[in-house]
PDB file of N, CA and C in Angstrom:
ATOM      1  N   PRO A   1       1.561 -63.521-122.089  1.00  0.00           N
ATOM      2  CA  PRO A   1       2.496 -62.411-122.157  1.00  0.00           C
ATOM      3  C   PRO A   1       3.669 -62.759-123.067  1.00  0.00           C
ATOM      4  N   VAL A   2       4.119 -61.771-123.808  1.00  0.00           N
ATOM      5  CA  VAL A   2       5.231 -61.976-124.725  1.00  0.00           C
ATOM      6  C   VAL A   2       6.538 -61.478-124.124  1.00  0.00           C
ATOM      7  N   GLU A   3       6.524 -60.248-123.598  1.00  0.00           N
ATOM      8  CA  GLU A   3       7.743 -59.679-123.029  1.00  0.00           C
ATOM      9  C   GLU A   3       7.404 -58.526-122.094  1.00  0.00           C
ATOM     10  N   ILE A   4       8.389 -58.168-121.281  1.00  0.00           N
ATOM     11  CA  ILE A   4       8.287 -56.993-120.430  1.00  0.00           C
ATOM     12  C   ILE A   4       8.940 -55.848-121.189  1.00  0.00           C
ATOM     13  N   VAL A   5       8.165 -54.804-121.422  1.00  0.00           N
ATOM     14  CA  VAL A   5       8.627 -53.700-122.249  1.00  0.00           C
ATOM     15  C   VAL A   5       9.283 -52.604-121.418  1.00  0.00           C
ATOM     16  N   ASP A   6       8.729 -52.328-120.236  1.00  0.00           N
ATOM     17  CA  ASP A   6       9.208 -51.203-119.445  1.00  0.00           C
ATOM     18  C   ASP A   6       8.903 -51.445-117.975  1.00  0.00           C
ATOM     19  N   ARG A   7       9.552 -50.655-117.117  1.00  0.00           N
ATOM     20  CA  ARG A   7       9.308 -50.717-115.676  1.00  0.00           C
ATOM     21  C   ARG A   7       9.066 -49.311-115.168  1.00  0.00           C
ATOM     22  N   GLU A   8       8.260 -49.206-114.128  1.00  0.00           N
ATOM     23  CA  GLU A   8       8.081 -47.925-113.458  1.00  0.00           C
ATOM     24  C   GLU A   8       7.656 -48.171-112.018  1.00  0.00           C
ATOM     25  N   VAL A   9       7.805 -47.144-111.184  1.00  0.00           N
ATOM     26  CA  VAL A   9       7.388 -47.239-109.787  1.00  0.00           C
ATOM     27  C   VAL A   9       6.303 -46.200-109.561  1.00  0.00           C
ATOM     28  N   LYS A  10       5.144 -46.670-109.152  1.00  0.00           N
ATOM     29  CA  LYS A  10       4.007 -45.784-108.873  1.00  0.00           C
ATOM     30  C   LYS A  10       4.057 -45.419-107.401  1.00  0.00           C
ATOM     31  N   ARG A  11       3.976 -44.139-107.094  1.00  0.00           N
ATOM     32  CA  ARG A  11       4.000 -43.683-105.701  1.00  0.00           C
ATOM     33  C   ARG A  11       2.587 -43.340-105.257  1.00  0.00           C
ATOM     34  N   LEU A  12       2.172 -43.959-104.165  1.00  0.00           N
ATOM     35  CA  LEU A  12       0.876 -43.676-103.563  1.00  0.00           C
ATOM     36  C   LEU A  12       1.103 -43.324-102.099  1.00  0.00           C
ATOM     37  N   LYS A  13       0.983 -42.063-101.780  1.00  0.00           N
ATOM     38  CA  LYS A  13       1.256 -41.554-100.441  1.00  0.00           C
ATOM     39  C   LYS A  13       2.609 -42.056 -99.951  1.00  0.00           C
ATOM     40  N   ARG A  14       2.630 -43.018 -99.039  1.00  0.00           N
ATOM     41  CA  ARG A  14       3.915 -43.481 -98.500  1.00  0.00           C
ATOM     42  C   ARG A  14       4.410 -44.768 -99.132  1.00  0.00           C
ATOM     43  N   SER A  15       3.613 -45.388 -99.969  1.00  0.00           N
ATOM     44  CA  SER A  15       4.042 -46.668-100.543  1.00  0.00           C
ATOM     45  C   SER A  15       4.496 -46.504-101.989  1.00  0.00           C
ATOM     46  N   ARG A  16       5.350 -47.412-102.403  1.00  0.00           N
ATOM     47  CA  ARG A  16       5.848 -47.440-103.776  1.00  0.00           C
ATOM     48  C   ARG A  16       5.499 -48.796-104.368  1.00  0.00           C
ATOM     49  N   ILE A  17       4.882 -48.805-105.531  1.00  0.00           N
ATOM     50  CA  ILE A  17       4.445 -50.046-106.162  1.00  0.00           C
ATOM     51  C   ILE A  17       5.197 -50.229-107.473  1.00  0.00           C
ATOM     52  N   PRO A  18       6.098 -51.213-107.547  1.00  0.00           N
ATOM     53  CA  PRO A  18       6.795 -51.478-108.806  1.00  0.00           C
ATOM     54  C   PRO A  18       5.840 -52.090-109.829  1.00  0.00           C
ATOM     55  N   LEU A  19       5.819 -51.508-111.022  1.00  0.00           N
ATOM     56  CA  LEU A  19       4.965 -51.995-112.100  1.00  0.00           C
ATOM     57  C   LEU A  19       5.813 -52.364-113.310  1.00  0.00           C
ATOM     58  N   VAL A  20       5.301 -53.284-114.106  1.00  0.00           N
ATOM     59  CA  VAL A  20       5.941 -53.630-115.372  1.00  0.00           C
ATOM     60  C   VAL A  20       4.922 -53.454-116.491  1.00  0.00           C
ATOM     61  N   LYS A  21       5.397 -52.931-117.613  1.00  0.00           N
ATOM     62  CA  LYS A  21       4.546 -52.817-118.793  1.00  0.00           C
ATOM     63  C   LYS A  21       4.761 -54.080-119.608  1.00  0.00           C
ATOM     64  N   VAL A  22       3.672 -54.804-119.870  1.00  0.00           N
ATOM     65  CA  VAL A  22       3.747 -56.121-120.497  1.00  0.00           C
ATOM     66  C   VAL A  22       3.093 -56.076-121.874  1.00  0.00           C
ATOM     67  N   ARG A  23       3.768 -56.688-122.843  1.00  0.00           N
ATOM     68  CA  ARG A  23       3.189 -56.805-124.183  1.00  0.00           C
ATOM     69  C   ARG A  23       2.559 -58.173-124.317  1.00  0.00           C
ATOM     70  N   TRP A  24       1.317 -58.192-124.787  1.00  0.00           N
ATOM     71  CA  TRP A  24       0.561 -59.420-125.002  1.00  0.00           C
ATOM     72  C   TRP A  24       0.270 -59.558-126.487  1.00  0.00           C
ATOM     73  N   ASN A  25       0.227 -60.788-126.980  1.00  0.00           N
ATOM     74  CA  ASN A  25      -0.233 -61.029-128.344  1.00  0.00           C
ATOM     75  C   ASN A  25      -1.729 -61.245-128.307  1.00  0.00           C
ATOM     76  N   SER A  26      -2.415 -60.593-129.205  1.00  0.00           N
ATOM     77  CA  SER A  26      -3.864 -60.685-129.279  1.00  0.00           C
ATOM     78  C   SER A  26      -4.262 -60.848-130.737  1.00  0.00           C
ATOM     79  N   LYS A  27      -5.452 -61.321-130.960  1.00  0.00           N
ATOM     80  CA  LYS A  27      -5.939 -61.453-132.338  1.00  0.00           C
ATOM     81  C   LYS A  27      -6.031 -60.091-133.020  1.00  0.00           C
ATOM     82  N   ARG A  28      -6.234 -59.046-132.238  1.00  0.00           N
ATOM     83  CA  ARG A  28      -6.338 -57.690-132.783  1.00  0.00           C
ATOM     84  C   ARG A  28      -4.983 -57.006-132.898  1.00  0.00           C
ATOM     85  N   GLY A  29      -3.915 -57.689-132.538  1.00  0.00           N
ATOM     86  CA  GLY A  29      -2.583 -57.090-132.563  1.00  0.00           C
ATOM     87  C   GLY A  29      -2.019 -57.002-131.160  1.00  0.00           C
ATOM     88  N   PRO A  30      -0.854 -56.391-131.013  1.00  0.00           N
ATOM     89  CA  PRO A  30      -0.237 -56.311-129.682  1.00  0.00           C
ATOM     90  C   PRO A  30      -1.043 -55.421-128.740  1.00  0.00           C
ATOM     91  N   GLU A  31      -1.121 -55.853-127.488  1.00  0.00           N
ATOM     92  CA  GLU A  31      -1.778 -55.067-126.442  1.00  0.00           C
ATOM     93  C   GLU A  31      -0.787 -54.898-125.299  1.00  0.00           C
ATOM     94  N   PHE A  32      -0.910 -53.798-124.566  1.00  0.00           N
ATOM     95  CA  PHE A  32      -0.011 -53.502-123.463  1.00  0.00           C
ATOM     96  C   PHE A  32      -0.817 -53.245-122.197  1.00  0.00           C
ATOM     97  N   THR A  33      -0.333 -53.800-121.079  1.00  0.00           N
ATOM     98  CA  THR A  33      -0.968 -53.556-119.788  1.00  0.00           C
ATOM     99  C   THR A  33       0.106 -53.289-118.746  1.00  0.00           C
ATOM    100  N   LEU A  34      -0.263 -52.580-117.691  1.00  0.00           N
ATOM    101  CA  LEU A  34       0.615 -52.406-116.538  1.00  0.00           C
ATOM    102  C   LEU A  34       0.202 -53.413-115.480  1.00  0.00           C
ATOM    103  N   GLU A  35       1.181 -54.159-114.976  1.00  0.00           N
ATOM    104  CA  GLU A  35       0.921 -55.198-113.975  1.00  0.00           C
ATOM    105  C   GLU A  35       1.847 -54.972-112.791  1.00  0.00           C
ATOM    106  N   ARG A  36       1.406 -55.401-111.608  1.00  0.00           N
ATOM    107  CA  ARG A  36       2.286 -55.342-110.435  1.00  0.00           C
ATOM    108  C   ARG A  36       3.438 -56.314-110.622  1.00  0.00           C
ATOM    109  N   GLU A  37       4.652 -55.817-110.437  1.00  0.00           N
ATOM    110  CA  GLU A  37       5.829 -56.637-110.699  1.00  0.00           C
ATOM    111  C   GLU A  37       5.886 -57.868-109.802  1.00  0.00           C
ATOM    112  N   ASP A  38       5.590 -57.729-108.514  1.00  0.00           N
ATOM    113  CA  ASP A  38       5.697 -58.870-107.606  1.00  0.00           C
ATOM    114  C   ASP A  38       4.737 -59.996-107.990  1.00  0.00           C
ATOM    115  N   GLN A  39       3.499 -59.655-108.315  1.00  0.00           N
ATOM    116  CA  GLN A  39       2.528 -60.683-108.693  1.00  0.00           C
ATOM    117  C   GLN A  39       2.858 -61.286-110.052  1.00  0.00           C
ATOM    118  N   PHE A  40       3.308 -60.455-110.963  1.00  0.00           N
ATOM    119  CA  PHE A  40       3.614 -60.932-112.306  1.00  0.00           C
ATOM    120  C   PHE A  40       4.847 -61.837-112.300  1.00  0.00           C
ATOM    121  N   ARG A  41       5.815 -61.505-111.429  1.00  0.00           N
ATOM    122  CA  ARG A  41       7.037 -62.314-111.327  1.00  0.00           C
ATOM    123  C   ARG A  41       6.716 -63.726-110.828  1.00  0.00           C
ATOM    124  N   LYS A  42       5.731 -63.854-109.940  1.00  0.00           N
ATOM    125  CA  LYS A  42       5.336 -65.175-109.440  1.00  0.00           C
ATOM    126  C   LYS A  42       4.689 -66.009-110.534  1.00  0.00           C
ATOM    127  N   LYS A  43       3.860 -65.381-111.365  1.00  0.00           N
ATOM    128  CA  LYS A  43       3.142 -66.107-112.411  1.00  0.00           C
ATOM    129  C   LYS A  43       4.020 -66.426-113.615  1.00  0.00           C
ATOM    130  N   TYR A  44       4.915 -65.504-113.969  1.00  0.00           N
ATOM    131  CA  TYR A  44       5.714 -65.646-115.191  1.00  0.00           C
ATOM    132  C   TYR A  44       7.195 -65.382-114.907  1.00  0.00           C
ATOM    133  N   PRO A  45       7.837 -66.226-114.109  1.00  0.00           N
ATOM    134  CA  PRO A  45       9.245 -65.960-113.763  1.00  0.00           C
ATOM    135  C   PRO A  45      10.182 -66.010-114.961  1.00  0.00           C
ATOM    136  N   HIS A  46       9.826 -66.756-115.998  1.00  0.00           N
ATOM    137  CA  HIS A  46      10.700 -66.867-117.170  1.00  0.00           C
ATOM    138  C   HIS A  46      10.872 -65.525-117.889  1.00  0.00           C
ATOM    139  N   LEU A  47       9.926 -64.625-117.762  1.00  0.00           N
ATOM    140  CA  LEU A  47      10.060 -63.317-118.403  1.00  0.00           C
ATOM    141  C   LEU A  47      11.089 -62.440-117.697  1.00  0.00           C
ATOM    142  N   PHE A  48      11.388 -62.750-116.444  1.00  0.00           N
ATOM    143  CA  PHE A  48      12.347 -61.958-115.690  1.00  0.00           C
ATOM    144  C   PHE A  48      13.760 -62.520-115.788  1.00  0.00           C
ATOM    145  N   ALA A  49      13.916 -63.717-116.297  1.00  0.00           N
ATOM    146  CA  ALA A  49      15.244 -64.312-116.431  1.00  0.00           C
ATOM    147  C   ALA A  49      16.099 -63.498-117.392  1.00  0.00           C
ATOM    148  N   LYS A  50      15.486 -62.963-118.445  1.00  0.00           N
ATOM    149  CA  LYS A  50      16.212 -62.175-119.441  1.00  0.00           C
ATOM    150  C   LYS A  50      16.683 -60.847-118.866  1.00  0.00           C
ATOM    151  N   THR A  51      15.914 -60.284-117.934  1.00  0.00           N
ATOM    152  CA  THR A  51      16.222 -58.955-117.414  1.00  0.00           C
ATOM    153  C   THR A  51      16.782 -59.007-115.998  1.00  0.00           C
ATOM    154  N   ALA A  52      17.319 -60.136-115.589  1.00  0.00           N
ATOM    155  CA  ALA A  52      17.798 -60.295-114.211  1.00  0.00           C
ATOM    156  C   ALA A  52      18.903 -59.300-113.882  1.00  0.00           C
ATOM    157  N   SER A  53      19.766 -58.975-114.840  1.00  0.00           N
ATOM    158  CA  SER A  53      20.872 -58.071-114.560  1.00  0.00           C
ATOM    159  C   SER A  53      20.400 -56.651-114.286  1.00  0.00           C
ATOM    160  N   SER A  54      19.260 -56.247-114.842  1.00  0.00           N
ATOM    161  CA  SER A  54      18.773 -54.888-114.631  1.00  0.00           C
ATOM    162  C   SER A  54      17.716 -54.802-113.538  1.00  0.00           C
ATOM    163  N   SER A  55      17.342 -55.921-112.928  1.00  0.00           N
ATOM    164  CA  SER A  55      16.261 -55.896-111.946  1.00  0.00           C
ATOM    165  C   SER A  55      16.655 -55.168-110.666  1.00  0.00           C
ATOM    166  N   GLY A  56      17.927 -55.118-110.321  1.00  0.00           N
ATOM    167  CA  GLY A  56      18.356 -54.446-109.113  1.00  0.00           C
ATOM    168  C   GLY A  56      18.459 -52.940-109.254  1.00  0.00           C
ATOM    169  N   VAL A  57      18.303 -52.429-110.440  1.00  0.00           N
ATOM    170  CA  VAL A  57      18.457 -51.002-110.685  1.00  0.00           C
ATOM    171  C   VAL A  57      17.393 -50.191-109.976  1.00  0.00           C
ATOM    172  N   MET A  58      16.172 -50.713-109.884  1.00  0.00           N
ATOM    173  CA  MET A  58      15.053 -49.967-109.330  1.00  0.00           C
ATOM    174  C   MET A  58      14.993 -50.016-107.813  1.00  0.00           C
ATOM    175  N   SER A  59      15.785 -50.840-107.152  1.00  0.00           N
ATOM    176  CA  SER A  59      15.648 -51.003-105.706  1.00  0.00           C
ATOM    177  C   SER A  59      16.343 -49.919-104.914  1.00  0.00           C
TER     178      SER A  59
END
């Protein structure tokens, strides 16, 4: 992963799932995927250090 591009919250009935849009470098060019924020934060905490000040906005 290169960076977190965007954030959104997906609503499913009564639950809310925070997602992050992630940019990846690929041989074919940049690719984007939506990942669960909680799982992605555990794997790549360094990507959230840059956006720590805005992380509380969605809560």
